Amino acid sequence: MDTTAFDNFKACTEEAPKDSHKEAKTLREAIGNQTDDLIQGIRALGLKADNCDMAYQIESSIYNYVKLSNPGNPMFAQAESFGASVLNKAWGLSESPKP
């Protein structure tokens, strides 16, 4: 599963200045809470539910579900773009990779 969009979104919510991207930060918190609730519910049944890469994929799936359900909301493109810029800088890449 490709998590690039969620990776970029998450980077935005973690690195954006305090008073910016508030809607994205609130959504990120809600996604995290829902994933935590799911894991706790599974564990309450006596089943194993690890906090591993699969849990990250659940978060990514929830993000994509919300994004696809709100195609006209510019928050997704803005947050992903900002996050991609943050990650590119962290990886030492230029802001606009050349083809």
PDB file of N, CA and C in Angstrom:
ATOM      1  N   MET A   1       0.841  -1.176   0.000  1.00  0.00           N
ATOM      2  CA  MET A   1       0.000   0.000   0.000  1.00  0.00           C
ATOM      3  C   MET A   1       0.889   1.243   0.000  1.00  0.00           C
ATOM      4  N   ASP A   2       0.614   2.134  -0.906  1.00  0.00           N
ATOM      5  CA  ASP A   2       1.368   3.379  -1.002  1.00  0.00           C
ATOM      6  C   ASP A   2       0.856   4.361   0.054  1.00  0.00           C
ATOM      7  N   THR A   3       1.736   4.792   0.930  1.00  0.00           N
ATOM      8  CA  THR A   3       1.358   5.724   1.989  1.00  0.00           C
ATOM      9  C   THR A   3       1.927   7.122   1.768  1.00  0.00           C
ATOM     10  N   THR A   4       2.374   7.420   0.558  1.00  0.00           N
ATOM     11  CA  THR A   4       3.040   8.695   0.286  1.00  0.00           C
ATOM     12  C   THR A   4       2.175   9.897   0.652  1.00  0.00           C
ATOM     13  N   ALA A   5       0.913   9.888   0.254  1.00  0.00           N
ATOM     14  CA  ALA A   5       0.032  11.025   0.559  1.00  0.00           C
ATOM     15  C   ALA A   5      -0.083  11.216   2.064  1.00  0.00           C
ATOM     16  N   PHE A   6      -0.260  10.109   2.791  1.00  0.00           N
ATOM     17  CA  PHE A   6      -0.374  10.206   4.250  1.00  0.00           C
ATOM     18  C   PHE A   6       0.965  10.602   4.874  1.00  0.00           C
ATOM     19  N   ASP A   7       2.067  10.098   4.346  1.00  0.00           N
ATOM     20  CA  ASP A   7       3.392  10.484   4.842  1.00  0.00           C
ATOM     21  C   ASP A   7       3.558  12.001   4.757  1.00  0.00           C
ATOM     22  N   ASN A   8       3.191  12.568   3.607  1.00  0.00           N
ATOM     23  CA  ASN A   8       3.304  14.011   3.403  1.00  0.00           C
ATOM     24  C   ASN A   8       2.362  14.772   4.335  1.00  0.00           C
ATOM     25  N   PHE A   9       1.119  14.290   4.442  1.00  0.00           N
ATOM     26  CA  PHE A   9       0.136  14.903   5.334  1.00  0.00           C
ATOM     27  C   PHE A   9       0.647  14.888   6.773  1.00  0.00           C
ATOM     28  N   LYS A  10       1.154  13.761   7.214  1.00  0.00           N
ATOM     29  CA  LYS A  10       1.657  13.610   8.576  1.00  0.00           C
ATOM     30  C   LYS A  10       2.839  14.551   8.830  1.00  0.00           C
ATOM     31  N   ALA A  11       3.744  14.650   7.858  1.00  0.00           N
ATOM     32  CA  ALA A  11       4.885  15.560   8.000  1.00  0.00           C
ATOM     33  C   ALA A  11       4.404  16.998   8.179  1.00  0.00           C
ATOM     34  N   CYS A  12       3.369  17.365   7.446  1.00  0.00           N
ATOM     35  CA  CYS A  12       2.801  18.707   7.592  1.00  0.00           C
ATOM     36  C   CYS A  12       2.298  18.915   9.011  1.00  0.00           C
ATOM     37  N   THR A  13       1.540  17.949   9.519  1.00  0.00           N
ATOM     38  CA  THR A  13       0.940  18.130  10.843  1.00  0.00           C
ATOM     39  C   THR A  13       1.985  18.145  11.951  1.00  0.00           C
ATOM     40  N   GLU A  14       3.115  17.535  11.716  1.00  0.00           N
ATOM     41  CA  GLU A  14       4.172  17.497  12.724  1.00  0.00           C
ATOM     42  C   GLU A  14       5.113  18.692  12.644  1.00  0.00           C
ATOM     43  N   GLU A  15       5.269  19.265  11.456  1.00  0.00           N
ATOM     44  CA  GLU A  15       6.294  20.298  11.262  1.00  0.00           C
ATOM     45  C   GLU A  15       5.755  21.691  10.960  1.00  0.00           C
ATOM     46  N   ALA A  16       4.475  21.827  10.684  1.00  0.00           N
ATOM     47  CA  ALA A  16       3.920  23.146  10.357  1.00  0.00           C
ATOM     48  C   ALA A  16       3.960  24.051  11.590  1.00  0.00           C
ATOM     49  N   PRO A  17       4.154  25.341  11.376  1.00  0.00           N
ATOM     50  CA  PRO A  17       4.136  26.277  12.503  1.00  0.00           C
ATOM     51  C   PRO A  17       2.847  26.142  13.326  1.00  0.00           C
ATOM     52  N   LYS A  18       2.932  26.496  14.576  1.00  0.00           N
ATOM     53  CA  LYS A  18       1.865  26.269  15.548  1.00  0.00           C
ATOM     54  C   LYS A  18       0.472  26.685  15.067  1.00  0.00           C
ATOM     55  N   ASP A  19       0.329  27.853  14.533  1.00  0.00           N
ATOM     56  CA  ASP A  19      -0.995  28.362  14.180  1.00  0.00           C
ATOM     57  C   ASP A  19      -1.378  28.140  12.719  1.00  0.00           C
ATOM     58  N   SER A  20      -0.689  27.230  12.044  1.00  0.00           N
ATOM     59  CA  SER A  20      -1.041  26.955  10.654  1.00  0.00           C
ATOM     60  C   SER A  20      -1.524  25.518  10.498  1.00  0.00           C
ATOM     61  N   HIS A  21      -2.232  25.266   9.440  1.00  0.00           N
ATOM     62  CA  HIS A  21      -2.727  23.930   9.098  1.00  0.00           C
ATOM     63  C   HIS A  21      -3.518  23.301  10.255  1.00  0.00           C
ATOM     64  N   LYS A  22      -4.356  24.122  10.909  1.00  0.00           N
ATOM     65  CA  LYS A  22      -5.116  23.653  12.072  1.00  0.00           C
ATOM     66  C   LYS A  22      -6.075  22.524  11.728  1.00  0.00           C
ATOM     67  N   GLU A  23      -6.766  22.639  10.593  1.00  0.00           N
ATOM     68  CA  GLU A  23      -7.715  21.594  10.197  1.00  0.00           C
ATOM     69  C   GLU A  23      -6.997  20.266   9.970  1.00  0.00           C
ATOM     70  N   ALA A  24      -5.835  20.318   9.343  1.00  0.00           N
ATOM     71  CA  ALA A  24      -5.048  19.103   9.104  1.00  0.00           C
ATOM     72  C   ALA A  24      -4.591  18.495  10.424  1.00  0.00           C
ATOM     73  N   LYS A  25      -4.145  19.331  11.338  1.00  0.00           N
ATOM     74  CA  LYS A  25      -3.679  18.836  12.635  1.00  0.00           C
ATOM     75  C   LYS A  25      -4.817  18.188  13.421  1.00  0.00           C
ATOM     76  N   THR A  26      -6.001  18.775  13.335  1.00  0.00           N
ATOM     77  CA  THR A  26      -7.165  18.210  14.017  1.00  0.00           C
ATOM     78  C   THR A  26      -7.550  16.872  13.401  1.00  0.00           C
ATOM     79  N   LEU A  27      -7.515  16.793  12.076  1.00  0.00           N
ATOM     80  CA  LEU A  27      -7.815  15.529  11.396  1.00  0.00           C
ATOM     81  C   LEU A  27      -6.786  14.476  11.761  1.00  0.00           C
ATOM     82  N   ARG A  28      -5.522  14.834  11.801  1.00  0.00           N
ATOM     83  CA  ARG A  28      -4.465  13.876  12.151  1.00  0.00           C
ATOM     84  C   ARG A  28      -4.690  13.311  13.554  1.00  0.00           C
ATOM     85  N   GLU A  29      -5.078  14.162  14.475  1.00  0.00           N
ATOM     86  CA  GLU A  29      -5.367  13.711  15.835  1.00  0.00           C
ATOM     87  C   GLU A  29      -6.560  12.752  15.846  1.00  0.00           C
ATOM     88  N   ALA A  30      -7.608  13.082  15.086  1.00  0.00           N
ATOM     89  CA  ALA A  30      -8.788  12.221  15.025  1.00  0.00           C
ATOM     90  C   ALA A  30      -8.446  10.856  14.433  1.00  0.00           C
ATOM     91  N   ILE A  31      -7.630  10.843  13.390  1.00  0.00           N
ATOM     92  CA  ILE A  31      -7.208   9.575  12.778  1.00  0.00           C
ATOM     93  C   ILE A  31      -6.405   8.745  13.782  1.00  0.00           C
ATOM     94  N   GLY A  32      -5.498   9.380  14.480  1.00  0.00           N
ATOM     95  CA  GLY A  32      -4.711   8.676  15.495  1.00  0.00           C
ATOM     96  C   GLY A  32      -5.592   8.106  16.600  1.00  0.00           C
ATOM     97  N   ASN A  33      -6.565   8.904  17.044  1.00  0.00           N
ATOM     98  CA  ASN A  33      -7.467   8.441  18.097  1.00  0.00           C
ATOM     99  C   ASN A  33      -8.311   7.254  17.634  1.00  0.00           C
ATOM    100  N   GLN A  34      -8.795   7.306  16.402  1.00  0.00           N
ATOM    101  CA  GLN A  34      -9.607   6.205  15.882  1.00  0.00           C
ATOM    102  C   GLN A  34      -8.793   4.927  15.760  1.00  0.00           C
ATOM    103  N   THR A  35      -7.555   5.061  15.322  1.00  0.00           N
ATOM    104  CA  THR A  35      -6.688   3.883  15.211  1.00  0.00           C
ATOM    105  C   THR A  35      -6.391   3.310  16.591  1.00  0.00           C
ATOM    106  N   ASP A  36      -6.113   4.178  17.558  1.00  0.00           N
ATOM    107  CA  ASP A  36      -5.874   3.719  18.927  1.00  0.00           C
ATOM    108  C   ASP A  36      -7.106   3.008  19.488  1.00  0.00           C
ATOM    109  N   ASP A  37      -8.285   3.579  19.243  1.00  0.00           N
ATOM    110  CA  ASP A  37      -9.530   2.953  19.720  1.00  0.00           C
ATOM    111  C   ASP A  37      -9.734   1.578  19.094  1.00  0.00           C
ATOM    112  N   LEU A  38      -9.432   1.461  17.808  1.00  0.00           N
ATOM    113  CA  LEU A  38      -9.561   0.173  17.127  1.00  0.00           C
ATOM    114  C   LEU A  38      -8.627  -0.861  17.752  1.00  0.00           C
ATOM    115  N   ILE A  39      -7.388  -0.481  17.963  1.00  0.00           N
ATOM    116  CA  ILE A  39      -6.404  -1.397  18.555  1.00  0.00           C
ATOM    117  C   ILE A  39      -6.844  -1.811  19.960  1.00  0.00           C
ATOM    118  N   GLN A  40      -7.290  -0.859  20.758  1.00  0.00           N
ATOM    119  CA  GLN A  40      -7.747  -1.178  22.111  1.00  0.00           C
ATOM    120  C   GLN A  40      -8.961  -2.098  22.090  1.00  0.00           C
ATOM    121  N   GLY A  41      -9.878  -1.866  21.156  1.00  0.00           N
ATOM    122  CA  GLY A  41     -11.061  -2.713  21.033  1.00  0.00           C
ATOM    123  C   GLY A  41     -10.703  -4.147  20.665  1.00  0.00           C
ATOM    124  N   ILE A  42      -9.754  -4.296  19.780  1.00  0.00           N
ATOM    125  CA  ILE A  42      -9.301  -5.632  19.383  1.00  0.00           C
ATOM    126  C   ILE A  42      -8.642  -6.329  20.569  1.00  0.00           C
ATOM    127  N   ARG A  43      -7.817  -5.592  21.285  1.00  0.00           N
ATOM    128  CA  ARG A  43      -7.156  -6.164  22.468  1.00  0.00           C
ATOM    129  C   ARG A  43      -8.164  -6.535  23.553  1.00  0.00           C
ATOM    130  N   ALA A  44      -9.235  -5.751  23.674  1.00  0.00           N
ATOM    131  CA  ALA A  44     -10.272  -6.045  24.669  1.00  0.00           C
ATOM    132  C   ALA A  44     -10.958  -7.385  24.371  1.00  0.00           C
ATOM    133  N   LEU A  45     -10.911  -7.811  23.134  1.00  0.00           N
ATOM    134  CA  LEU A  45     -11.464  -9.109  22.746  1.00  0.00           C
ATOM    135  C   LEU A  45     -10.489 -10.248  23.030  1.00  0.00           C
ATOM    136  N   GLY A  46      -9.322  -9.899  23.546  1.00  0.00           N
ATOM    137  CA  GLY A  46      -8.306 -10.900  23.839  1.00  0.00           C
ATOM    138  C   GLY A  46      -7.451 -11.268  22.642  1.00  0.00           C
ATOM    139  N   LEU A  47      -7.531 -10.439  21.606  1.00  0.00           N
ATOM    140  CA  LEU A  47      -6.746 -10.677  20.395  1.00  0.00           C
ATOM    141  C   LEU A  47      -5.532  -9.756  20.374  1.00  0.00           C
ATOM    142  N   LYS A  48      -4.540 -10.148  19.615  1.00  0.00           N
ATOM    143  CA  LYS A  48      -3.344  -9.325  19.467  1.00  0.00           C
ATOM    144  C   LYS A  48      -3.594  -8.240  18.428  1.00  0.00           C
ATOM    145  N   ALA A  49      -3.084  -7.074  18.713  1.00  0.00           N
ATOM    146  CA  ALA A  49      -3.135  -5.949  17.783  1.00  0.00           C
ATOM    147  C   ALA A  49      -1.903  -5.101  18.065  1.00  0.00           C
ATOM    148  N   ASP A  50      -0.874  -5.289  17.279  1.00  0.00           N
ATOM    149  CA  ASP A  50       0.388  -4.602  17.500  1.00  0.00           C
ATOM    150  C   ASP A  50       0.353  -3.185  16.930  1.00  0.00           C
ATOM    151  N   ASN A  51       1.153  -2.325  17.525  1.00  0.00           N
ATOM    152  CA  ASN A  51       1.381  -0.980  16.984  1.00  0.00           C
ATOM    153  C   ASN A  51       2.546  -1.095  16.012  1.00  0.00           C
ATOM    154  N   CYS A  52       2.259  -1.520  14.807  1.00  0.00           N
ATOM    155  CA  CYS A  52       3.312  -1.788  13.837  1.00  0.00           C
ATOM    156  C   CYS A  52       2.987  -1.101  12.516  1.00  0.00           C
ATOM    157  N   ASP A  53       3.676  -1.506  11.477  1.00  0.00           N
ATOM    158  CA  ASP A  53       3.446  -0.928  10.158  1.00  0.00           C
ATOM    159  C   ASP A  53       2.008  -1.103   9.697  1.00  0.00           C
ATOM    160  N   MET A  54       1.380  -2.190  10.092  1.00  0.00           N
ATOM    161  CA  MET A  54      -0.019  -2.407   9.691  1.00  0.00           C
ATOM    162  C   MET A  54      -0.928  -1.341  10.296  1.00  0.00           C
ATOM    163  N   ALA A  55      -0.660  -0.928  11.526  1.00  0.00           N
ATOM    164  CA  ALA A  55      -1.447   0.142  12.148  1.00  0.00           C
ATOM    165  C   ALA A  55      -1.251   1.446  11.365  1.00  0.00           C
ATOM    166  N   TYR A  56      -0.034   1.685  10.894  1.00  0.00           N
ATOM    167  CA  TYR A  56       0.231   2.881  10.078  1.00  0.00           C
ATOM    168  C   TYR A  56      -0.576   2.822   8.782  1.00  0.00           C
ATOM    169  N   GLN A  57      -0.697   1.648   8.211  1.00  0.00           N
ATOM    170  CA  GLN A  57      -1.485   1.493   6.997  1.00  0.00           C
ATOM    171  C   GLN A  57      -2.964   1.732   7.266  1.00  0.00           C
ATOM    172  N   ILE A  58      -3.435   1.381   8.459  1.00  0.00           N
ATOM    173  CA  ILE A  58      -4.817   1.683   8.830  1.00  0.00           C
ATOM    174  C   ILE A  58      -5.007   3.195   8.862  1.00  0.00           C
ATOM    175  N   GLU A  59      -4.069   3.896   9.486  1.00  0.00           N
ATOM    176  CA  GLU A  59      -4.150   5.358   9.530  1.00  0.00           C
ATOM    177  C   GLU A  59      -4.156   5.937   8.122  1.00  0.00           C
ATOM    178  N   SER A  60      -3.289   5.418   7.276  1.00  0.00           N
ATOM    179  CA  SER A  60      -3.222   5.888   5.901  1.00  0.00           C
ATOM    180  C   SER A  60      -4.539   5.629   5.168  1.00  0.00           C
ATOM    181  N   SER A  61      -5.129   4.473   5.415  1.00  0.00           N
ATOM    182  CA  SER A  61      -6.418   4.137   4.778  1.00  0.00           C
ATOM    183  C   SER A  61      -7.522   5.070   5.243  1.00  0.00           C
ATOM    184  N   ILE A  62      -7.550   5.370   6.540  1.00  0.00           N
ATOM    185  CA  ILE A  62      -8.555   6.314   7.056  1.00  0.00           C
ATOM    186  C   ILE A  62      -8.351   7.677   6.408  1.00  0.00           C
ATOM    187  N   TYR A  63      -7.108   8.117   6.323  1.00  0.00           N
ATOM    188  CA  TYR A  63      -6.811   9.397   5.685  1.00  0.00           C
ATOM    189  C   TYR A  63      -7.317   9.415   4.241  1.00  0.00           C
ATOM    190  N   ASN A  64      -6.999   8.368   3.490  1.00  0.00           N
ATOM    191  CA  ASN A  64      -7.438   8.311   2.101  1.00  0.00           C
ATOM    192  C   ASN A  64      -8.957   8.269   1.983  1.00  0.00           C
ATOM    193  N   TYR A  65      -9.606   7.576   2.903  1.00  0.00           N
ATOM    194  CA  TYR A  65     -11.072   7.535   2.918  1.00  0.00           C
ATOM    195  C   TYR A  65     -11.650   8.944   3.096  1.00  0.00           C
ATOM    196  N   VAL A  66     -11.125   9.681   4.079  1.00  0.00           N
ATOM    197  CA  VAL A  66     -11.623  11.034   4.330  1.00  0.00           C
ATOM    198  C   VAL A  66     -11.302  11.944   3.144  1.00  0.00           C
ATOM    199  N   LYS A  67     -10.106  11.821   2.609  1.00  0.00           N
ATOM    200  CA  LYS A  67      -9.692  12.639   1.461  1.00  0.00           C
ATOM    201  C   LYS A  67     -10.591  12.390   0.250  1.00  0.00           C
ATOM    202  N   LEU A  68     -10.832  11.129  -0.061  1.00  0.00           N
ATOM    203  CA  LEU A  68     -11.679  10.803  -1.215  1.00  0.00           C
ATOM    204  C   LEU A  68     -13.135  11.183  -0.986  1.00  0.00           C
ATOM    205  N   SER A  69     -13.546  11.240   0.270  1.00  0.00           N
ATOM    206  CA  SER A  69     -14.915  11.639   0.598  1.00  0.00           C
ATOM    207  C   SER A  69     -15.110  13.151   0.512  1.00  0.00           C
ATOM    208  N   ASN A  70     -14.022  13.895   0.432  1.00  0.00           N
ATOM    209  CA  ASN A  70     -14.071  15.367   0.405  1.00  0.00           C
ATOM    210  C   ASN A  70     -13.215  15.914  -0.725  1.00  0.00           C
ATOM    211  N   PRO A  71     -13.572  15.572  -1.969  1.00  0.00           N
ATOM    212  CA  PRO A  71     -12.695  15.931  -3.101  1.00  0.00           C
ATOM    213  C   PRO A  71     -12.519  17.432  -3.328  1.00  0.00           C
ATOM    214  N   GLY A  72     -13.428  18.239  -2.854  1.00  0.00           N
ATOM    215  CA  GLY A  72     -13.313  19.674  -3.083  1.00  0.00           C
ATOM    216  C   GLY A  72     -12.588  20.426  -1.987  1.00  0.00           C
ATOM    217  N   ASN A  73     -12.144  19.744  -0.946  1.00  0.00           N
ATOM    218  CA  ASN A  73     -11.497  20.420   0.170  1.00  0.00           C
ATOM    219  C   ASN A  73     -10.010  20.621  -0.129  1.00  0.00           C
ATOM    220  N   PRO A  74      -9.573  21.880  -0.194  1.00  0.00           N
ATOM    221  CA  PRO A  74      -8.173  22.157  -0.534  1.00  0.00           C
ATOM    222  C   PRO A  74      -7.176  21.814   0.576  1.00  0.00           C
ATOM    223  N   MET A  75      -7.665  21.526   1.779  1.00  0.00           N
ATOM    224  CA  MET A  75      -6.780  21.231   2.899  1.00  0.00           C
ATOM    225  C   MET A  75      -5.853  20.067   2.592  1.00  0.00           C
ATOM    226  N   PHE A  76      -6.346  19.058   1.876  1.00  0.00           N
ATOM    227  CA  PHE A  76      -5.551  17.865   1.610  1.00  0.00           C
ATOM    228  C   PHE A  76      -4.351  18.188   0.720  1.00  0.00           C
ATOM    229  N   ALA A  77      -4.592  18.884  -0.379  1.00  0.00           N
ATOM    230  CA  ALA A  77      -3.502  19.242  -1.289  1.00  0.00           C
ATOM    231  C   ALA A  77      -2.512  20.192  -0.615  1.00  0.00           C
ATOM    232  N   GLN A  78      -3.031  21.135   0.159  1.00  0.00           N
ATOM    233  CA  GLN A  78      -2.157  22.090   0.844  1.00  0.00           C
ATOM    234  C   GLN A  78      -1.267  21.379   1.863  1.00  0.00           C
ATOM    235  N   ALA A  79      -1.876  20.508   2.661  1.00  0.00           N
ATOM    236  CA  ALA A  79      -1.102  19.803   3.692  1.00  0.00           C
ATOM    237  C   ALA A  79      -0.088  18.848   3.067  1.00  0.00           C
ATOM    238  N   GLU A  80      -0.506  18.134   2.035  1.00  0.00           N
ATOM    239  CA  GLU A  80       0.415  17.201   1.380  1.00  0.00           C
ATOM    240  C   GLU A  80       1.571  17.942   0.726  1.00  0.00           C
ATOM    241  N   SER A  81       1.283  19.072   0.115  1.00  0.00           N
ATOM    242  CA  SER A  81       2.332  19.862  -0.535  1.00  0.00           C
ATOM    243  C   SER A  81       3.329  20.392   0.495  1.00  0.00           C
ATOM    244  N   PHE A  82       2.822  20.931   1.590  1.00  0.00           N
ATOM    245  CA  PHE A  82       3.709  21.429   2.638  1.00  0.00           C
ATOM    246  C   PHE A  82       4.538  20.282   3.211  1.00  0.00           C
ATOM    247  N   GLY A  83       3.898  19.159   3.474  1.00  0.00           N
ATOM    248  CA  GLY A  83       4.599  18.002   4.027  1.00  0.00           C
ATOM    249  C   GLY A  83       5.666  17.467   3.092  1.00  0.00           C
ATOM    250  N   ALA A  84       5.358  17.432   1.800  1.00  0.00           N
ATOM    251  CA  ALA A  84       6.348  16.967   0.820  1.00  0.00           C
ATOM    252  C   ALA A  84       7.562  17.885   0.820  1.00  0.00           C
ATOM    253  N   SER A  85       7.325  19.180   0.942  1.00  0.00           N
ATOM    254  CA  SER A  85       8.422  20.147   1.002  1.00  0.00           C
ATOM    255  C   SER A  85       9.287  19.894   2.233  1.00  0.00           C
ATOM    256  N   VAL A  86       8.642  19.644   3.358  1.00  0.00           N
ATOM    257  CA  VAL A  86       9.374  19.356   4.602  1.00  0.00           C
ATOM    258  C   VAL A  86      10.224  18.102   4.434  1.00  0.00           C
ATOM    259  N   LEU A  87       9.632  17.052   3.893  1.00  0.00           N
ATOM    260  CA  LEU A  87      10.360  15.797   3.724  1.00  0.00           C
ATOM    261  C   LEU A  87      11.493  15.930   2.716  1.00  0.00           C
ATOM    262  N   ASN A  88      11.253  16.662   1.627  1.00  0.00           N
ATOM    263  CA  ASN A  88      12.308  16.866   0.634  1.00  0.00           C
ATOM    264  C   ASN A  88      13.501  17.576   1.256  1.00  0.00           C
ATOM    265  N   LYS A  89      13.244  18.568   2.080  1.00  0.00           N
ATOM    266  CA  LYS A  89      14.332  19.281   2.750  1.00  0.00           C
ATOM    267  C   LYS A  89      15.063  18.350   3.721  1.00  0.00           C
ATOM    268  N   ALA A  90      14.303  17.538   4.446  1.00  0.00           N
ATOM    269  CA  ALA A  90      14.910  16.609   5.407  1.00  0.00           C
ATOM    270  C   ALA A  90      15.791  15.587   4.700  1.00  0.00           C
ATOM    271  N   TRP A  91      15.412  15.214   3.497  1.00  0.00           N
ATOM    272  CA  TRP A  91      16.164  14.218   2.729  1.00  0.00           C
ATOM    273  C   TRP A  91      17.235  14.853   1.858  1.00  0.00           C
ATOM    274  N   GLY A  92      17.333  16.184   1.910  1.00  0.00           N
ATOM    275  CA  GLY A  92      18.343  16.878   1.127  1.00  0.00           C
ATOM    276  C   GLY A  92      18.004  16.975  -0.349  1.00  0.00           C
ATOM    277  N   LEU A  93      16.724  16.874  -0.676  1.00  0.00           N
ATOM    278  CA  LEU A  93      16.290  16.978  -2.074  1.00  0.00           C
ATOM    279  C   LEU A  93      15.891  18.408  -2.385  1.00  0.00           C
ATOM    280  N   SER A  94      15.900  18.743  -3.646  1.00  0.00           N
ATOM    281  CA  SER A  94      15.444  20.076  -4.034  1.00  0.00           C
ATOM    282  C   SER A  94      13.940  20.103  -3.909  1.00  0.00           C
ATOM    283  N   GLU A  95      13.400  21.303  -3.819  1.00  0.00           N
ATOM    284  CA  GLU A  95      11.950  21.464  -3.700  1.00  0.00           C
ATOM    285  C   GLU A  95      11.231  20.996  -4.951  1.00  0.00           C
ATOM    286  N   SER A  96      11.863  21.132  -6.087  1.00  0.00           N
ATOM    287  CA  SER A  96      11.256  20.715  -7.349  1.00  0.00           C
ATOM    288  C   SER A  96      12.208  19.738  -8.039  1.00  0.00           C
ATOM    289  N   PRO A  97      12.045  18.447  -7.755  1.00  0.00           N
ATOM    290  CA  PRO A  97      12.946  17.477  -8.394  1.00  0.00           C
ATOM    291  C   PRO A  97      12.857  17.573  -9.905  1.00  0.00           C
ATOM    292  N   LYS A  98      14.008  17.475 -10.550  1.00  0.00           N
ATOM    293  CA  LYS A  98      14.042  17.550 -11.998  1.00  0.00           C
ATOM    294  C   LYS A  98      13.775  16.162 -12.585  1.00  0.00           C
ATOM    295  N   PRO A  99      13.036  16.130 -13.691  1.00  0.00           N
ATOM    296  CA  PRO A  99      12.704  14.830 -14.306  1.00  0.00           C
ATOM    297  C   PRO A  99      13.917  14.099 -14.832  1.00  0.00           C
TER     298      PRO A  99
END
